[in-house]
Amino acid sequence: MRRLFAILLITASGWLLHQTVGDHLGGAGPSFWPQLVGQADKPAFMAPVIGGLLCMLGGLIVFFNGPGGAALAMIGGLAVAGFTLTLKQTFDLDHILDSELAVGATMLMLAAMTASITRVTERSRKAAAHEVSERIHSSGRRIY
């Protein structure tokens, strides 16, 4: 289940990056890098890009069962959603997938749900197996 949420985090952040690059740069083309350098001082472009990259990196960490990935994804989602609130964006229900606020809030929600799922490690697997082996085994018969 944790990996499913990680894939959803990666997908949402990829959509946000695609949408931000499409809106501000007109898509990726031959003049992508000079346009990217020109947008580096504009916070309306950089906040969603940095938040999307943090969320994508957090999703990749969660997918490979690393520690702290959900927290990194929450920071990215909070950066996107919080910054778009300062720009006074609203939820536009007609074009909800084109709203940076809606995508950032979705990323934040997915990261919070991912953080609530327990991370399974080799140590926790061995501890669970050891606990099961230490239980008293009985035949199941009741003695009266």
N, C-alpha and C. Protein backbone atom coordinates (compact mmCIF):
# COMPACT_ATOMS: atom_id res chain seq x y z
N MET A 1 0.83 -1.18 0.00
CA MET A 1 0.00 0.00 0.00
C MET A 1 0.88 1.25 0.00
N ARG A 2 1.98 1.16 0.74
CA ARG A 2 2.89 2.31 0.80
C ARG A 2 3.49 2.61 -0.57
N ARG A 3 3.79 1.59 -1.33
CA ARG A 3 4.35 1.80 -2.67
C ARG A 3 3.31 2.38 -3.63
N LEU A 4 2.06 2.02 -3.44
CA LEU A 4 1.00 2.60 -4.26
C LEU A 4 0.90 4.11 -4.03
N PHE A 5 0.95 4.51 -2.75
CA PHE A 5 0.94 5.94 -2.45
C PHE A 5 2.19 6.63 -2.99
N ALA A 6 3.32 5.92 -2.98
CA ALA A 6 4.56 6.50 -3.52
C ALA A 6 4.41 6.75 -5.02
N ILE A 7 3.80 5.81 -5.73
CA ILE A 7 3.59 6.00 -7.17
C ILE A 7 2.63 7.16 -7.41
N LEU A 8 1.60 7.30 -6.59
CA LEU A 8 0.68 8.43 -6.72
C LEU A 8 1.38 9.75 -6.43
N LEU A 9 2.28 9.77 -5.46
CA LEU A 9 3.06 10.98 -5.17
C LEU A 9 3.94 11.36 -6.34
N ILE A 10 4.61 10.39 -6.92
CA ILE A 10 5.49 10.64 -8.07
C ILE A 10 4.67 11.14 -9.25
N THR A 11 3.51 10.55 -9.46
CA THR A 11 2.65 10.96 -10.57
C THR A 11 2.13 12.38 -10.38
N ALA A 12 1.68 12.70 -9.16
CA ALA A 12 1.16 14.05 -8.90
C ALA A 12 2.25 15.10 -9.05
N SER A 13 3.44 14.81 -8.55
CA SER A 13 4.52 15.79 -8.68
C SER A 13 4.99 15.91 -10.12
N GLY A 14 4.98 14.82 -10.85
CA GLY A 14 5.32 14.90 -12.28
C GLY A 14 4.31 15.72 -13.05
N TRP A 15 3.03 15.57 -12.71
CA TRP A 15 1.99 16.38 -13.35
C TRP A 15 2.19 17.86 -13.03
N LEU A 16 2.51 18.16 -11.77
CA LEU A 16 2.74 19.55 -11.38
C LEU A 16 3.93 20.14 -12.13
N LEU A 17 5.01 19.38 -12.26
CA LEU A 17 6.18 19.88 -12.99
C LEU A 17 5.85 20.09 -14.47
N HIS A 18 5.13 19.15 -15.06
CA HIS A 18 4.72 19.29 -16.46
C HIS A 18 3.84 20.52 -16.65
N GLN A 19 2.91 20.71 -15.75
CA GLN A 19 1.99 21.83 -15.83
C GLN A 19 2.72 23.16 -15.64
N THR A 20 3.64 23.22 -14.68
CA THR A 20 4.37 24.46 -14.41
C THR A 20 5.28 24.82 -15.57
N VAL A 21 6.00 23.85 -16.10
CA VAL A 21 6.87 24.12 -17.25
C VAL A 21 6.04 24.51 -18.46
N GLY A 22 4.90 23.89 -18.65
CA GLY A 22 4.04 24.24 -19.78
C GLY A 22 3.46 25.64 -19.67
N ASP A 23 3.09 26.04 -18.44
CA ASP A 23 2.51 27.37 -18.26
C ASP A 23 3.53 28.49 -18.36
N HIS A 24 4.68 28.29 -17.74
CA HIS A 24 5.66 29.38 -17.66
C HIS A 24 6.68 29.39 -18.79
N LEU A 25 7.00 28.23 -19.32
CA LEU A 25 8.03 28.17 -20.36
C LEU A 25 7.48 27.80 -21.73
N GLY A 26 6.22 27.43 -21.79
CA GLY A 26 5.66 27.02 -23.07
C GLY A 26 6.09 25.63 -23.48
N GLY A 27 6.48 24.81 -22.52
CA GLY A 27 6.89 23.45 -22.82
C GLY A 27 8.40 23.34 -22.94
N ALA A 28 8.87 22.13 -23.05
CA ALA A 28 10.31 21.88 -23.19
C ALA A 28 10.65 21.82 -24.66
N GLY A 29 11.51 22.69 -25.08
CA GLY A 29 11.93 22.73 -26.47
C GLY A 29 13.42 22.99 -26.56
N PRO A 30 13.89 23.42 -27.73
CA PRO A 30 15.33 23.67 -27.86
C PRO A 30 15.83 24.83 -27.00
N SER A 31 14.97 25.77 -26.67
CA SER A 31 15.40 26.90 -25.85
C SER A 31 14.98 26.74 -24.39
N PHE A 32 14.90 25.50 -23.92
CA PHE A 32 14.42 25.22 -22.58
C PHE A 32 15.36 25.77 -21.51
N TRP A 33 16.65 25.49 -21.62
CA TRP A 33 17.59 25.88 -20.56
C TRP A 33 17.74 27.40 -20.45
N PRO A 34 17.87 28.14 -21.53
CA PRO A 34 17.92 29.60 -21.36
C PRO A 34 16.64 30.18 -20.75
N GLN A 35 15.49 29.62 -21.11
CA GLN A 35 14.23 30.09 -20.52
C GLN A 35 14.16 29.72 -19.04
N LEU A 36 14.67 28.55 -18.68
CA LEU A 36 14.67 28.12 -17.29
C LEU A 36 15.54 29.04 -16.44
N VAL A 37 16.69 29.43 -16.95
CA VAL A 37 17.56 30.35 -16.23
C VAL A 37 16.89 31.72 -16.09
N GLY A 38 16.12 32.13 -17.08
CA GLY A 38 15.41 33.39 -17.02
C GLY A 38 14.29 33.40 -15.99
N GLN A 39 13.75 32.25 -15.66
CA GLN A 39 12.66 32.14 -14.69
C GLN A 39 13.17 31.90 -13.27
N ALA A 40 14.48 31.78 -13.08
CA ALA A 40 15.03 31.40 -11.78
C ALA A 40 14.76 32.43 -10.69
N ASP A 41 14.52 33.67 -11.04
CA ASP A 41 14.29 34.69 -10.02
C ASP A 41 12.80 34.95 -9.77
N LYS A 42 11.93 34.21 -10.40
CA LYS A 42 10.48 34.41 -10.24
C LYS A 42 9.92 33.33 -9.30
N PRO A 43 9.44 33.75 -8.12
CA PRO A 43 8.93 32.75 -7.16
C PRO A 43 7.67 32.03 -7.63
N ALA A 44 6.89 32.62 -8.51
CA ALA A 44 5.69 31.95 -9.00
C ALA A 44 6.04 30.73 -9.84
N PHE A 45 7.26 30.67 -10.34
CA PHE A 45 7.73 29.52 -11.10
C PHE A 45 8.55 28.59 -10.21
N MET A 46 9.43 29.16 -9.39
CA MET A 46 10.37 28.34 -8.64
C MET A 46 9.72 27.57 -7.48
N ALA A 47 8.73 28.15 -6.80
CA ALA A 47 8.11 27.45 -5.66
C ALA A 47 7.42 26.15 -6.10
N PRO A 48 6.60 26.15 -7.17
CA PRO A 48 6.02 24.87 -7.59
C PRO A 48 7.05 23.88 -8.10
N VAL A 49 8.10 24.38 -8.75
CA VAL A 49 9.13 23.47 -9.26
C VAL A 49 9.90 22.83 -8.11
N ILE A 50 10.31 23.64 -7.14
CA ILE A 50 11.05 23.08 -6.00
C ILE A 50 10.15 22.14 -5.19
N GLY A 51 8.90 22.53 -4.96
CA GLY A 51 7.97 21.66 -4.23
C GLY A 51 7.71 20.37 -4.98
N GLY A 52 7.56 20.45 -6.30
CA GLY A 52 7.34 19.24 -7.10
C GLY A 52 8.55 18.32 -7.08
N LEU A 53 9.75 18.89 -7.14
CA LEU A 53 10.95 18.07 -7.10
C LEU A 53 11.14 17.42 -5.73
N LEU A 54 10.84 18.17 -4.65
CA LEU A 54 10.93 17.58 -3.31
C LEU A 54 9.92 16.44 -3.14
N CYS A 55 8.72 16.64 -3.66
CA CYS A 55 7.69 15.61 -3.55
C CYS A 55 8.06 14.37 -4.39
N MET A 56 8.63 14.61 -5.55
CA MET A 56 9.04 13.48 -6.39
C MET A 56 10.18 12.70 -5.73
N LEU A 57 11.14 13.42 -5.17
CA LEU A 57 12.24 12.76 -4.48
C LEU A 57 11.73 12.00 -3.26
N GLY A 58 10.81 12.59 -2.51
CA GLY A 58 10.21 11.90 -1.37
C GLY A 58 9.46 10.65 -1.79
N GLY A 59 8.72 10.74 -2.90
CA GLY A 59 8.01 9.57 -3.41
C GLY A 59 8.96 8.46 -3.83
N LEU A 60 10.08 8.82 -4.43
CA LEU A 60 11.07 7.81 -4.80
C LEU A 60 11.69 7.16 -3.57
N ILE A 61 11.94 7.96 -2.54
CA ILE A 61 12.50 7.40 -1.30
C ILE A 61 11.50 6.44 -0.66
N VAL A 62 10.23 6.82 -0.63
CA VAL A 62 9.20 5.95 -0.07
C VAL A 62 9.08 4.68 -0.89
N PHE A 63 9.14 4.81 -2.21
CA PHE A 63 9.00 3.63 -3.08
C PHE A 63 10.09 2.61 -2.81
N PHE A 64 11.31 3.07 -2.55
CA PHE A 64 12.40 2.15 -2.28
C PHE A 64 12.57 1.88 -0.78
N ASN A 65 11.53 2.19 0.01
CA ASN A 65 11.43 1.86 1.43
C ASN A 65 12.48 2.55 2.28
N GLY A 66 12.85 3.75 1.88
CA GLY A 66 13.82 4.50 2.66
C GLY A 66 13.15 5.34 3.73
N PRO A 67 13.91 5.76 4.73
CA PRO A 67 13.33 6.56 5.80
C PRO A 67 13.24 8.04 5.41
N GLY A 68 12.21 8.70 5.86
CA GLY A 68 12.08 10.14 5.68
C GLY A 68 11.49 10.60 4.37
N GLY A 69 11.13 9.71 3.51
CA GLY A 69 10.59 10.10 2.21
C GLY A 69 9.25 10.79 2.31
N ALA A 70 8.39 10.32 3.19
CA ALA A 70 7.07 10.93 3.34
C ALA A 70 7.19 12.33 3.92
N ALA A 71 8.13 12.53 4.83
CA ALA A 71 8.33 13.87 5.39
C ALA A 71 8.82 14.83 4.32
N LEU A 72 9.72 14.38 3.46
CA LEU A 72 10.21 15.21 2.36
C LEU A 72 9.09 15.53 1.39
N ALA A 73 8.23 14.56 1.12
CA ALA A 73 7.09 14.79 0.24
C ALA A 73 6.10 15.78 0.86
N MET A 74 5.92 15.70 2.19
CA MET A 74 5.03 16.65 2.86
C MET A 74 5.58 18.07 2.78
N ILE A 75 6.88 18.22 2.90
CA ILE A 75 7.49 19.54 2.77
C ILE A 75 7.26 20.08 1.37
N GLY A 76 7.42 19.24 0.36
CA GLY A 76 7.17 19.67 -1.02
C GLY A 76 5.72 20.05 -1.26
N GLY A 77 4.79 19.23 -0.77
CA GLY A 77 3.37 19.54 -0.94
C GLY A 77 2.97 20.79 -0.19
N LEU A 78 3.54 20.99 0.99
CA LEU A 78 3.25 22.19 1.77
C LEU A 78 3.81 23.43 1.08
N ALA A 79 4.98 23.29 0.47
CA ALA A 79 5.57 24.43 -0.25
C ALA A 79 4.69 24.84 -1.43
N VAL A 80 4.21 23.88 -2.16
CA VAL A 80 3.37 24.20 -3.32
C VAL A 80 2.03 24.77 -2.89
N ALA A 81 1.35 24.06 -2.00
CA ALA A 81 0.01 24.51 -1.58
C ALA A 81 0.08 25.83 -0.83
N GLY A 82 1.06 25.97 0.04
CA GLY A 82 1.18 27.21 0.81
C GLY A 82 1.53 28.40 -0.05
N PHE A 83 2.43 28.20 -1.00
CA PHE A 83 2.81 29.33 -1.83
C PHE A 83 1.68 29.76 -2.76
N THR A 84 0.95 28.80 -3.27
CA THR A 84 -0.16 29.19 -4.15
C THR A 84 -1.27 29.87 -3.38
N LEU A 85 -1.40 29.57 -2.09
CA LEU A 85 -2.36 30.32 -1.27
C LEU A 85 -1.93 31.77 -1.10
N THR A 86 -0.61 32.01 -1.01
CA THR A 86 -0.14 33.39 -0.90
C THR A 86 -0.35 34.16 -2.19
N LEU A 87 -0.43 33.44 -3.31
CA LEU A 87 -0.73 34.10 -4.58
C LEU A 87 -2.23 34.25 -4.79
N LYS A 88 -3.02 33.85 -3.77
CA LYS A 88 -4.47 33.96 -3.77
C LYS A 88 -5.11 33.17 -4.91
N GLN A 89 -4.55 31.98 -5.19
CA GLN A 89 -5.20 31.09 -6.13
C GLN A 89 -6.38 30.42 -5.44
N THR A 90 -7.37 30.07 -6.20
CA THR A 90 -8.53 29.38 -5.65
C THR A 90 -8.73 28.06 -6.39
N PHE A 91 -9.56 27.21 -5.81
CA PHE A 91 -9.92 25.97 -6.49
C PHE A 91 -10.89 26.32 -7.61
N ASP A 92 -10.49 26.06 -8.83
CA ASP A 92 -11.37 26.25 -9.97
C ASP A 92 -11.92 24.87 -10.31
N LEU A 93 -13.18 24.64 -10.02
CA LEU A 93 -13.75 23.30 -10.19
C LEU A 93 -13.89 22.89 -11.64
N ASP A 94 -13.88 23.87 -12.56
CA ASP A 94 -13.96 23.51 -13.97
C ASP A 94 -12.65 22.92 -14.47
N HIS A 95 -11.54 23.43 -13.96
CA HIS A 95 -10.20 22.97 -14.38
C HIS A 95 -9.39 22.62 -13.14
N ILE A 96 -9.83 21.62 -12.40
CA ILE A 96 -9.20 21.31 -11.11
C ILE A 96 -7.80 20.74 -11.29
N LEU A 97 -7.53 20.04 -12.38
CA LEU A 97 -6.20 19.50 -12.59
C LEU A 97 -5.20 20.56 -13.03
N ASP A 98 -5.67 21.70 -13.47
CA ASP A 98 -4.78 22.78 -13.89
C ASP A 98 -4.46 23.73 -12.74
N SER A 99 -5.04 23.53 -11.58
CA SER A 99 -4.83 24.39 -10.42
C SER A 99 -3.63 23.89 -9.61
N GLU A 100 -2.63 24.73 -9.44
CA GLU A 100 -1.47 24.34 -8.64
C GLU A 100 -1.87 24.12 -7.18
N LEU A 101 -2.85 24.86 -6.72
CA LEU A 101 -3.33 24.70 -5.35
C LEU A 101 -3.95 23.32 -5.15
N ALA A 102 -4.76 22.87 -6.10
CA ALA A 102 -5.40 21.55 -5.97
C ALA A 102 -4.37 20.43 -6.04
N VAL A 103 -3.41 20.55 -6.94
CA VAL A 103 -2.38 19.51 -7.06
C VAL A 103 -1.48 19.51 -5.83
N GLY A 104 -1.13 20.69 -5.33
CA GLY A 104 -0.31 20.77 -4.11
C GLY A 104 -1.02 20.21 -2.90
N ALA A 105 -2.31 20.49 -2.77
CA ALA A 105 -3.09 19.94 -1.65
C ALA A 105 -3.21 18.42 -1.77
N THR A 106 -3.34 17.93 -2.99
CA THR A 106 -3.38 16.47 -3.20
C THR A 106 -2.06 15.83 -2.83
N MET A 107 -0.96 16.48 -3.20
CA MET A 107 0.36 15.95 -2.85
C MET A 107 0.54 15.93 -1.33
N LEU A 108 0.09 16.98 -0.67
CA LEU A 108 0.20 17.04 0.78
C LEU A 108 -0.64 15.95 1.45
N MET A 109 -1.86 15.73 0.94
CA MET A 109 -2.73 14.70 1.48
C MET A 109 -2.13 13.30 1.26
N LEU A 110 -1.60 13.05 0.07
CA LEU A 110 -0.99 11.74 -0.20
C LEU A 110 0.23 11.51 0.68
N ALA A 111 1.03 12.55 0.89
CA ALA A 111 2.22 12.41 1.73
C ALA A 111 1.84 12.14 3.18
N ALA A 112 0.78 12.79 3.66
CA ALA A 112 0.33 12.55 5.03
C ALA A 112 -0.19 11.13 5.20
N MET A 113 -0.92 10.63 4.21
CA MET A 113 -1.41 9.25 4.29
C MET A 113 -0.25 8.26 4.18
N THR A 114 0.75 8.58 3.38
CA THR A 114 1.91 7.71 3.26
C THR A 114 2.69 7.67 4.57
N ALA A 115 2.78 8.81 5.24
CA ALA A 115 3.51 8.85 6.51
C ALA A 115 2.81 8.05 7.60
N SER A 116 1.49 7.89 7.47
CA SER A 116 0.76 7.15 8.50
C SER A 116 0.87 5.64 8.34
N ILE A 117 1.36 5.17 7.21
CA ILE A 117 1.52 3.74 6.98
C ILE A 117 2.89 3.32 7.52
N THR A 118 2.92 2.23 8.25
CA THR A 118 4.15 1.75 8.86
C THR A 118 5.12 1.26 7.80
N ARG A 119 6.37 1.66 7.98
CA ARG A 119 7.43 1.22 7.08
C ARG A 119 7.93 -0.14 7.54
N VAL A 120 7.95 -1.12 6.64
CA VAL A 120 8.38 -2.48 6.98
C VAL A 120 9.85 -2.61 6.62
N THR A 121 10.65 -2.97 7.61
CA THR A 121 12.08 -3.18 7.39
C THR A 121 12.43 -4.62 7.69
N GLU A 122 13.64 -4.99 7.39
CA GLU A 122 14.09 -6.36 7.66
C GLU A 122 14.12 -6.63 9.16
N ARG A 123 14.49 -5.62 9.94
CA ARG A 123 14.53 -5.76 11.39
C ARG A 123 13.13 -6.00 11.95
N SER A 124 12.13 -5.26 11.43
CA SER A 124 10.76 -5.45 11.93
C SER A 124 10.20 -6.80 11.50
N ARG A 125 10.60 -7.30 10.34
CA ARG A 125 10.17 -8.62 9.92
C ARG A 125 10.74 -9.70 10.84
N LYS A 126 12.04 -9.58 11.18
CA LYS A 126 12.67 -10.56 12.06
C LYS A 126 12.06 -10.51 13.45
N ALA A 127 11.75 -9.30 13.94
CA ALA A 127 11.14 -9.18 15.27
C ALA A 127 9.76 -9.81 15.29
N ALA A 128 8.99 -9.62 14.23
CA ALA A 128 7.65 -10.22 14.16
C ALA A 128 7.75 -11.74 14.09
N ALA A 129 8.72 -12.27 13.33
CA ALA A 129 8.89 -13.72 13.23
C ALA A 129 9.36 -14.30 14.56
N HIS A 130 10.22 -13.57 15.25
CA HIS A 130 10.71 -14.03 16.56
C HIS A 130 9.57 -14.03 17.59
N GLU A 131 8.71 -13.05 17.51
CA GLU A 131 7.57 -12.98 18.44
C GLU A 131 6.62 -14.14 18.22
N VAL A 132 6.39 -14.49 16.97
CA VAL A 132 5.51 -15.61 16.67
C VAL A 132 6.13 -16.91 17.15
N SER A 133 7.45 -17.08 17.00
CA SER A 133 8.08 -18.33 17.39
C SER A 133 8.15 -18.50 18.90
N GLU A 134 8.07 -17.40 19.66
CA GLU A 134 8.13 -17.49 21.12
C GLU A 134 6.78 -17.77 21.76
N ARG A 135 5.72 -17.69 21.02
CA ARG A 135 4.40 -17.97 21.58
C ARG A 135 4.29 -19.44 21.96
N ILE A 136 3.50 -19.69 22.97
CA ILE A 136 3.29 -21.07 23.39
C ILE A 136 2.35 -21.74 22.40
N HIS A 137 2.82 -22.84 21.85
CA HIS A 137 1.98 -23.54 20.89
C HIS A 137 1.16 -24.60 21.63
N SER A 138 -0.09 -24.67 21.32
CA SER A 138 -0.96 -25.67 21.92
C SER A 138 -1.68 -26.42 20.82
N SER A 139 -2.25 -27.53 21.22
CA SER A 139 -2.93 -28.36 20.22
C SER A 139 -4.30 -27.80 19.88
N GLY A 140 -4.80 -26.88 20.67
CA GLY A 140 -6.12 -26.33 20.41
C GLY A 140 -7.21 -27.01 21.20
N ARG A 141 -6.88 -28.11 21.92
CA ARG A 141 -7.87 -28.80 22.72
C ARG A 141 -8.06 -28.07 24.04
N ARG A 142 -9.29 -28.10 24.50
CA ARG A 142 -9.57 -27.53 25.82
C ARG A 142 -9.54 -28.64 26.84
N ILE A 143 -8.92 -28.37 27.93
CA ILE A 143 -8.85 -29.34 29.01
C ILE A 143 -9.76 -28.89 30.12
N TYR A 144 -10.71 -29.76 30.50
CA TYR A 144 -11.67 -29.42 31.56
C TYR A 144 -11.37 -30.17 32.80
